[in-house]
Amino acid sequence: MLELKGIRQVFRSGQDQVVALDGIDLLLDRGDFLTIIGSNGAGKSTLLDVIAGVLVPTAGRVLVGGLDLTATPAWRRARRIGRIVQNPLSGTAPTMTIAENMALAMKRSGRSFFPALTKRRRRQFALALSTLGMGLEHRLDVPAFLLSGGERQALTVTMATLAKPDILLLDEHTAALDPANGKLIADLTEAHVKRTRLVTLAVTHNMEQAIHLGNRLIMMHQGAIVLSLEGEEKSKTSVGQLVELFSRRHIVDDALLLEAAS
């Protein structure tokens, strides 16, 4: 479903250049949920930017469902690729209601805006929100700015899957939340992914979350994949073992060490 072939991303500033991605090869099938860990500057978010179309790679190809989307801009990929970022405020239009925000998500999937606000659509939105267990299905006419951070991020996850993308990108989407809400959103996300069988890539500094979410894990360092785990091997790996693997490669990252100690 998603294939990256020899992805290389080089940023240039005058005579200097920084290699952010150095020959990334990756193949993910429908239903694969990949967590991505690594030190700051390892290339994790840059990798998501390349997949989303925010960046055109210096070299290599991005294929989705066999189609070469390497040079396709982000707005054209939006129907096929959803993305959720760290800040809960970024995923919704604050002055628009819950229903209107969800209607915009439907529009991104190619549907017109106004039909999405019919009674039938509102019932559809309420049904989708009812699976969250937050009571948002009874608050369709409430502006998004009145929601808590956890509620807004839960709404964002629902909106991303409403558009029925092929791929979901999560860029530390629980990092700005308190631990309880972070776990709730992580669990909701995993349930959505299992139900829809999306190809999902999640960047995280939380190593426990990286182990327990999804079926595959990669560690990145200096733009390269230095470790790949999947299936039973991934699920049986401990946080301590991941910290040891970082240490063996002389990778130091305060955020990761703090996660390990917490």
Protein backbone atom coordinates (compact mmCIF):
# COMPACT_ATOMS: atom_id res chain seq x y z
CA MET A 1 0.00 0.00 0.00
CA LEU A 2 2.78 2.46 0.97
CA GLU A 3 6.24 2.01 -0.48
CA LEU A 4 9.23 4.28 -0.02
CA LYS A 5 12.16 3.64 -2.33
CA GLY A 6 15.55 5.17 -1.62
CA ILE A 7 14.15 8.33 -0.04
CA ARG A 8 16.85 10.94 0.47
CA GLN A 9 16.18 14.45 1.76
CA VAL A 10 18.94 17.04 1.78
CA PHE A 11 18.49 20.59 3.08
CA ARG A 12 20.94 23.19 1.82
CA SER A 13 21.85 26.54 3.33
CA GLY A 14 24.55 28.34 1.38
CA GLN A 15 27.55 26.04 1.18
CA ASP A 16 26.28 23.78 3.96
CA GLN A 17 23.99 20.80 3.61
CA VAL A 18 22.18 18.58 6.09
CA VAL A 19 21.14 15.05 5.17
CA ALA A 20 17.79 14.60 6.92
CA LEU A 21 16.89 11.29 5.26
CA ASP A 22 19.56 8.99 3.93
CA GLY A 23 18.20 6.27 1.64
CA ILE A 24 14.98 5.19 3.40
CA ASP A 25 13.35 2.01 2.09
CA LEU A 26 10.04 1.00 3.62
CA LEU A 27 7.07 -1.15 2.62
CA LEU A 28 3.80 -1.11 4.58
CA ASP A 29 0.71 -3.17 3.77
CA ARG A 30 -2.91 -2.36 4.61
CA GLY A 31 -3.47 -2.61 8.36
CA ASP A 32 0.21 -2.10 9.26
CA PHE A 33 0.70 0.27 12.21
CA LEU A 34 4.31 1.48 12.40
CA THR A 35 5.67 3.40 15.38
CA ILE A 36 8.79 5.52 14.84
CA ILE A 37 11.26 6.45 17.57
CA GLY A 38 14.60 8.24 17.46
CA SER A 39 16.61 11.13 18.81
CA ASN A 40 15.80 14.75 18.02
CA GLY A 41 16.86 15.48 14.44
CA ALA A 42 16.77 11.81 13.44
CA GLY A 43 14.45 12.58 10.50
CA LYS A 44 11.17 11.29 11.93
CA SER A 45 8.96 14.30 11.13
CA THR A 46 10.80 14.88 7.85
CA LEU A 47 9.82 11.35 6.84
CA LEU A 48 6.15 12.15 7.51
CA ASP A 49 6.52 15.43 5.55
CA VAL A 50 7.78 13.49 2.52
CA ILE A 51 4.90 10.99 2.73
CA ALA A 52 2.34 13.78 3.15
CA GLY A 53 3.74 15.74 0.20
CA VAL A 54 4.91 18.73 2.24
CA LEU A 55 8.41 17.99 0.93
CA VAL A 56 9.48 16.61 -2.43
CA PRO A 57 12.42 14.29 -1.69
CA THR A 58 15.84 15.08 -3.11
CA ALA A 59 15.92 11.51 -4.41
CA GLY A 60 13.73 8.42 -4.25
CA ARG A 61 10.06 7.63 -4.82
CA VAL A 62 6.84 7.58 -2.79
CA LEU A 63 4.23 5.08 -3.98
CA VAL A 64 0.71 4.66 -2.61
CA GLY A 65 -1.29 1.73 -3.92
CA GLY A 66 1.25 1.39 -6.73
CA LEU A 67 0.82 5.01 -7.84
CA ASP A 68 3.89 7.25 -7.86
CA LEU A 69 2.98 10.32 -5.77
CA THR A 70 6.53 11.61 -5.32
CA ALA A 71 5.86 14.97 -6.97
CA THR A 72 2.17 15.20 -6.07
CA PRO A 73 1.52 18.20 -3.76
CA ALA A 74 0.09 17.77 -0.27
CA TRP A 75 -3.36 19.14 -1.11
CA ARG A 76 -3.80 16.52 -3.83
CA ARG A 77 -2.79 13.77 -1.41
CA ALA A 78 -5.20 14.93 1.30
CA ARG A 79 -7.94 12.54 0.14
CA ARG A 80 -5.60 9.59 0.60
CA ILE A 81 -3.40 10.72 3.48
CA GLY A 82 -4.63 12.07 6.82
CA ARG A 83 -2.31 13.68 9.37
CA ILE A 84 -2.67 14.53 13.05
CA VAL A 85 -0.07 16.71 14.75
CA GLN A 86 0.95 17.29 18.37
CA ASN A 87 -1.08 20.43 19.11
CA PRO A 88 -4.80 19.66 19.66
CA LEU A 89 -5.59 23.23 18.55
CA SER A 90 -4.19 22.59 15.06
CA GLY A 91 -6.59 19.86 13.98
CA THR A 92 -9.87 21.76 14.23
CA ALA A 93 -11.31 25.15 13.28
CA PRO A 94 -11.96 26.65 16.75
CA THR A 95 -14.98 28.84 15.97
CA MET A 96 -16.76 26.18 13.94
CA THR A 97 -19.00 23.64 15.61
CA ILE A 98 -18.19 19.97 15.97
CA ALA A 99 -20.61 19.18 13.13
CA GLU A 100 -19.08 21.84 10.86
CA ASN A 101 -15.57 20.56 11.55
CA MET A 102 -16.66 17.05 10.65
CA ALA A 103 -18.31 18.38 7.50
CA LEU A 104 -14.98 19.88 6.46
CA ALA A 105 -13.38 16.48 6.93
CA MET A 106 -16.00 14.99 4.61
CA LYS A 107 -15.26 17.73 2.08
CA ARG A 108 -11.59 16.75 2.09
CA SER A 109 -12.67 13.29 0.98
CA GLY A 110 -14.29 14.81 -2.10
CA ARG A 111 -17.83 15.25 -0.83
CA SER A 112 -19.55 18.64 -1.02
CA PHE A 113 -19.92 20.72 2.16
CA PHE A 114 -23.62 21.45 2.45
CA PRO A 115 -24.97 17.90 1.94
CA ALA A 116 -22.63 16.87 4.76
CA LEU A 117 -24.76 19.00 7.13
CA THR A 118 -28.07 17.28 6.43
CA LYS A 119 -29.90 15.39 9.16
CA ARG A 120 -28.59 12.15 7.73
CA ARG A 121 -25.00 13.39 7.93
CA ARG A 122 -25.52 14.67 11.47
CA ARG A 123 -26.76 11.21 12.49
CA GLN A 124 -23.64 9.75 10.85
CA PHE A 125 -21.42 12.17 12.76
CA ALA A 126 -23.19 11.38 16.04
CA LEU A 127 -22.74 7.65 15.47
CA ALA A 128 -19.02 8.09 14.77
CA LEU A 129 -18.58 10.22 17.91
CA SER A 130 -20.53 7.81 20.10
CA THR A 131 -17.70 5.27 19.80
CA LEU A 132 -15.43 7.68 21.71
CA GLY A 133 -17.43 7.43 24.93
CA MET A 134 -17.04 11.17 25.58
CA GLY A 135 -20.59 12.33 24.93
CA LEU A 136 -19.53 14.46 21.97
CA GLU A 137 -22.39 13.01 19.91
CA HIS A 138 -24.72 15.17 22.04
CA ARG A 139 -22.68 18.35 21.45
CA LEU A 140 -22.64 18.64 17.65
CA ASP A 141 -23.47 22.36 17.76
CA VAL A 142 -20.79 23.26 20.31
CA PRO A 143 -17.82 25.29 18.95
CA ALA A 144 -14.56 23.37 18.98
CA PHE A 145 -12.79 25.96 21.16
CA LEU A 146 -15.00 24.92 24.09
CA LEU A 147 -13.64 21.36 24.03
CA SER A 148 -10.78 20.17 26.20
CA GLY A 149 -7.47 19.21 24.59
CA GLY A 150 -8.30 15.52 24.85
CA GLU A 151 -11.76 16.04 23.36
CA ARG A 152 -10.35 18.06 20.46
CA GLN A 153 -7.70 15.46 19.69
CA ALA A 154 -10.34 12.70 19.84
CA LEU A 155 -12.45 14.73 17.41
CA THR A 156 -9.41 15.16 15.15
CA VAL A 157 -8.82 11.40 15.08
CA THR A 158 -12.47 10.83 14.18
CA MET A 159 -12.33 13.49 11.46
CA ALA A 160 -9.19 11.97 9.96
CA THR A 161 -10.85 8.59 9.59
CA LEU A 162 -14.17 10.06 8.37
CA ALA A 163 -12.43 11.12 5.17
CA LYS A 164 -11.52 7.44 4.64
CA PRO A 165 -7.84 7.96 3.80
CA ASP A 166 -5.53 5.09 2.89
CA ILE A 167 -2.77 6.34 5.20
CA LEU A 168 -2.82 8.03 8.61
CA LEU A 169 0.21 9.98 9.85
CA LEU A 170 0.50 10.72 13.58
CA ASP A 171 3.18 13.22 14.58
CA GLU A 172 3.45 12.89 18.39
CA HIS A 173 -0.33 13.32 18.52
CA THR A 174 -0.56 12.52 22.27
CA ALA A 175 2.53 14.45 23.43
CA ALA A 176 0.65 17.64 24.42
CA LEU A 177 -1.90 15.77 26.53
CA ASP A 178 -1.77 14.69 30.17
CA PRO A 179 -0.99 10.97 30.71
CA ALA A 180 -4.63 9.91 31.16
CA ASN A 181 -5.84 11.70 28.03
CA GLY A 182 -2.71 10.61 26.15
CA LYS A 183 -3.50 6.96 26.84
CA LEU A 184 -7.15 7.48 25.96
CA ILE A 185 -6.30 9.04 22.58
CA ALA A 186 -3.71 6.34 21.87
CA ASP A 187 -6.28 3.62 22.61
CA LEU A 188 -8.94 5.36 20.49
CA THR A 189 -6.49 5.73 17.63
CA GLU A 190 -5.52 2.06 17.73
CA ALA A 191 -9.21 1.06 17.76
CA HIS A 192 -9.88 3.27 14.72
CA VAL A 193 -6.90 1.82 12.87
CA LYS A 194 -7.90 -1.77 13.60
CA ARG A 195 -11.46 -1.10 12.47
CA THR A 196 -10.51 0.68 9.23
CA ARG A 197 -7.23 -1.19 8.50
CA LEU A 198 -5.44 2.06 7.65
CA VAL A 199 -1.72 2.13 6.99
CA THR A 200 -0.55 4.14 10.00
CA LEU A 201 2.79 5.73 10.91
CA ALA A 202 3.16 7.25 14.38
CA VAL A 203 6.13 9.30 15.55
CA THR A 204 6.52 9.18 19.33
CA HIS A 205 9.03 9.86 22.09
CA ASN A 206 7.08 7.56 24.40
CA MET A 207 8.88 4.23 24.14
CA GLU A 208 6.24 2.32 26.08
CA GLN A 209 3.64 3.60 23.62
CA ALA A 210 5.93 2.72 20.70
CA ILE A 211 6.13 -0.87 21.92
CA HIS A 212 2.45 -1.39 22.67
CA LEU A 213 0.91 0.47 19.72
CA GLY A 214 0.76 -1.25 16.35
CA ASN A 215 2.59 -4.22 14.90
CA ARG A 216 5.86 -2.68 13.68
CA LEU A 217 8.53 -0.35 15.08
CA ILE A 218 11.56 1.39 13.62
CA MET A 219 14.32 3.38 15.30
CA MET A 220 15.83 6.23 13.27
CA HIS A 221 19.18 7.96 13.69
CA GLN A 222 20.84 10.56 11.47
CA GLY A 223 18.26 10.04 8.74
CA ALA A 224 18.54 6.24 8.56
CA ILE A 225 16.61 3.28 9.95
CA VAL A 226 18.95 1.62 12.44
CA LEU A 227 16.51 -0.89 13.97
CA SER A 228 13.33 -2.60 12.78
CA LEU A 229 11.07 -4.78 14.95
CA GLU A 230 7.73 -6.37 14.21
CA GLY A 231 5.21 -8.88 15.46
CA GLU A 232 6.12 -10.94 18.52
CA GLU A 233 9.67 -9.59 18.63
CA LYS A 234 8.30 -6.06 18.98
CA SER A 235 5.67 -6.91 21.59
CA LYS A 236 8.22 -8.74 23.77
CA THR A 237 10.74 -5.88 23.72
CA SER A 238 10.92 -3.86 26.94
CA VAL A 239 11.55 -0.14 27.38
CA GLY A 240 14.82 -1.02 29.08
CA GLN A 241 15.92 -3.03 26.06
CA LEU A 242 15.14 -0.10 23.75
CA VAL A 243 17.17 2.23 25.98
CA GLU A 244 20.04 -0.25 25.81
CA LEU A 245 19.78 -0.33 22.01
CA PHE A 246 20.00 3.46 21.95
CA SER A 247 23.04 3.33 24.22
CA ARG A 248 24.78 0.76 22.03
CA ARG A 249 24.49 3.13 19.11
CA HIS A 250 25.65 6.07 21.27
CA ILE A 251 22.32 7.80 20.72
CA VAL A 252 21.48 10.24 23.51
CA ASP A 253 18.09 11.88 23.75
CA ASP A 254 16.88 13.47 26.99
CA ALA A 255 13.20 13.11 26.11
CA LEU A 256 13.57 9.38 25.50
CA LEU A 257 15.51 8.87 28.72
CA LEU A 258 12.85 10.76 30.65
CA GLU A 259 10.15 8.54 29.14
CA ALA A 260 12.14 5.48 30.20
CA ALA A 261 12.48 6.76 33.76
CA SER A 262 8.81 7.73 34.16
